[in-house]
Amino acid sequence: VQIEVPYKPDMRYFREKYGDMGESAVLWWNEQATATKDAVSPRRLDYAVDMVASGGDVRYNSNRGKTY
């Protein structure tokens, strides 16, 4: 069984989990070019926001050292 899952972060999920920071992350992601969206998947975005919310440095969660 295959389930089609949209390739985009879910605003409701990010708001409920991270509040304003989650909303800002989704808005940022939505404004990015396709290449950046491919490099920063919705799951990677979730990891990055979780890291920042926990006081970590998002640079350690980046994709192969790229800056977005």
C-alpha atoms as a PDB file:
ATOM      1  CA  VAL A   1       0.000   0.000   0.000  1.00  0.00           C
ATOM      2  CA  GLN A   2       1.363   3.388  -0.966  1.00  0.00           C
ATOM      3  CA  ILE A   3       0.130   6.600   0.568  1.00  0.00           C
ATOM      4  CA  GLU A   4       0.737   9.899  -1.189  1.00  0.00           C
ATOM      5  CA  VAL A   5       2.164  12.392   1.309  1.00  0.00           C
ATOM      6  CA  PRO A   6       2.479  16.051   0.284  1.00  0.00           C
ATOM      7  CA  TYR A   7       6.092  17.263   0.115  1.00  0.00           C
ATOM      8  CA  LYS A   8       5.575  20.305   2.308  1.00  0.00           C
ATOM      9  CA  PRO A   9       5.671  21.029   6.031  1.00  0.00           C
ATOM     10  CA  ASP A  10       2.288  20.935   7.748  1.00  0.00           C
ATOM     11  CA  MET A  11       1.532  24.346   9.275  1.00  0.00           C
ATOM     12  CA  ARG A  12      -0.784  22.917  11.941  1.00  0.00           C
ATOM     13  CA  TYR A  13       1.839  20.408  13.097  1.00  0.00           C
ATOM     14  CA  PHE A  14       4.603  23.030  13.256  1.00  0.00           C
ATOM     15  CA  ARG A  15       2.371  25.540  15.094  1.00  0.00           C
ATOM     16  CA  GLU A  16       1.254  22.963  17.659  1.00  0.00           C
ATOM     17  CA  LYS A  17       4.759  21.635  18.245  1.00  0.00           C
ATOM     18  CA  TYR A  18       6.800  24.871  18.095  1.00  0.00           C
ATOM     19  CA  GLY A  19       4.384  27.826  18.265  1.00  0.00           C
ATOM     20  CA  ASP A  20       5.507  31.015  16.515  1.00  0.00           C
ATOM     21  CA  MET A  21       8.907  29.535  15.697  1.00  0.00           C
ATOM     22  CA  GLY A  22       7.253  26.664  13.843  1.00  0.00           C
ATOM     23  CA  GLU A  23       5.007  29.009  11.904  1.00  0.00           C
ATOM     24  CA  SER A  24       7.995  31.143  10.911  1.00  0.00           C
ATOM     25  CA  ALA A  25       9.888  28.051   9.762  1.00  0.00           C
ATOM     26  CA  VAL A  26       7.040  26.944   7.491  1.00  0.00           C
ATOM     27  CA  LEU A  27       6.637  30.442   6.063  1.00  0.00           C
ATOM     28  CA  TRP A  28      10.394  30.553   5.392  1.00  0.00           C
ATOM     29  CA  TRP A  29      10.311  27.127   3.703  1.00  0.00           C
ATOM     30  CA  ASN A  30       7.355  28.116   1.517  1.00  0.00           C
ATOM     31  CA  GLU A  31       9.318  31.105   0.160  1.00  0.00           C
ATOM     32  CA  GLN A  32      12.348  29.047  -0.889  1.00  0.00           C
ATOM     33  CA  ALA A  33      13.291  27.954  -4.394  1.00  0.00           C
ATOM     34  CA  THR A  34      12.690  24.341  -5.373  1.00  0.00           C
ATOM     35  CA  ALA A  35      16.382  23.458  -5.013  1.00  0.00           C
ATOM     36  CA  THR A  36      16.394  24.658  -1.406  1.00  0.00           C
ATOM     37  CA  LYS A  37      13.136  22.844  -0.650  1.00  0.00           C
ATOM     38  CA  ASP A  38      14.710  19.671  -2.028  1.00  0.00           C
ATOM     39  CA  ALA A  39      17.779  20.146   0.187  1.00  0.00           C
ATOM     40  CA  VAL A  40      15.755  21.110   3.282  1.00  0.00           C
ATOM     41  CA  SER A  41      13.027  18.483   3.344  1.00  0.00           C
ATOM     42  CA  PRO A  42      10.028  18.939   5.654  1.00  0.00           C
ATOM     43  CA  ARG A  43      11.540  16.318   7.972  1.00  0.00           C
ATOM     44  CA  ARG A  44      14.921  18.100   8.002  1.00  0.00           C
ATOM     45  CA  LEU A  45      13.090  21.376   8.711  1.00  0.00           C
ATOM     46  CA  ASP A  46      11.408  19.703  11.698  1.00  0.00           C
ATOM     47  CA  TYR A  47      14.792  18.489  12.978  1.00  0.00           C
ATOM     48  CA  ALA A  48      16.288  21.960  12.545  1.00  0.00           C
ATOM     49  CA  VAL A  49      13.458  23.738  14.382  1.00  0.00           C
ATOM     50  CA  ASP A  50      13.601  21.130  17.151  1.00  0.00           C
ATOM     51  CA  MET A  51      17.335  21.688  17.498  1.00  0.00           C
ATOM     52  CA  VAL A  52      16.937  25.480  17.710  1.00  0.00           C
ATOM     53  CA  ALA A  53      14.023  25.165  20.160  1.00  0.00           C
ATOM     54  CA  SER A  54      16.258  22.976  22.357  1.00  0.00           C
ATOM     55  CA  GLY A  55      19.030  25.576  22.332  1.00  0.00           C
ATOM     56  CA  GLY A  56      21.189  23.833  19.731  1.00  0.00           C
ATOM     57  CA  ASP A  57      22.970  25.270  16.727  1.00  0.00           C
ATOM     58  CA  VAL A  58      21.082  24.705  13.474  1.00  0.00           C
ATOM     59  CA  ARG A  59      24.346  24.696  11.519  1.00  0.00           C
ATOM     60  CA  TYR A  60      24.965  21.172  12.820  1.00  0.00           C
ATOM     61  CA  ASN A  61      21.725  20.091  11.128  1.00  0.00           C
ATOM     62  CA  SER A  62      22.466  21.599   7.723  1.00  0.00           C
ATOM     63  CA  ASN A  63      22.763  19.603   4.529  1.00  0.00           C
ATOM     64  CA  ARG A  64      26.450  19.033   3.709  1.00  0.00           C
ATOM     65  CA  GLY A  65      27.499  22.392   5.087  1.00  0.00           C
ATOM     66  CA  LYS A  66      25.324  24.420   2.714  1.00  0.00           C
ATOM     67  CA  THR A  67      23.934  27.757   3.814  1.00  0.00           C
ATOM     68  CA  TYR A  68      20.334  28.571   2.907  1.00  0.00           C
END
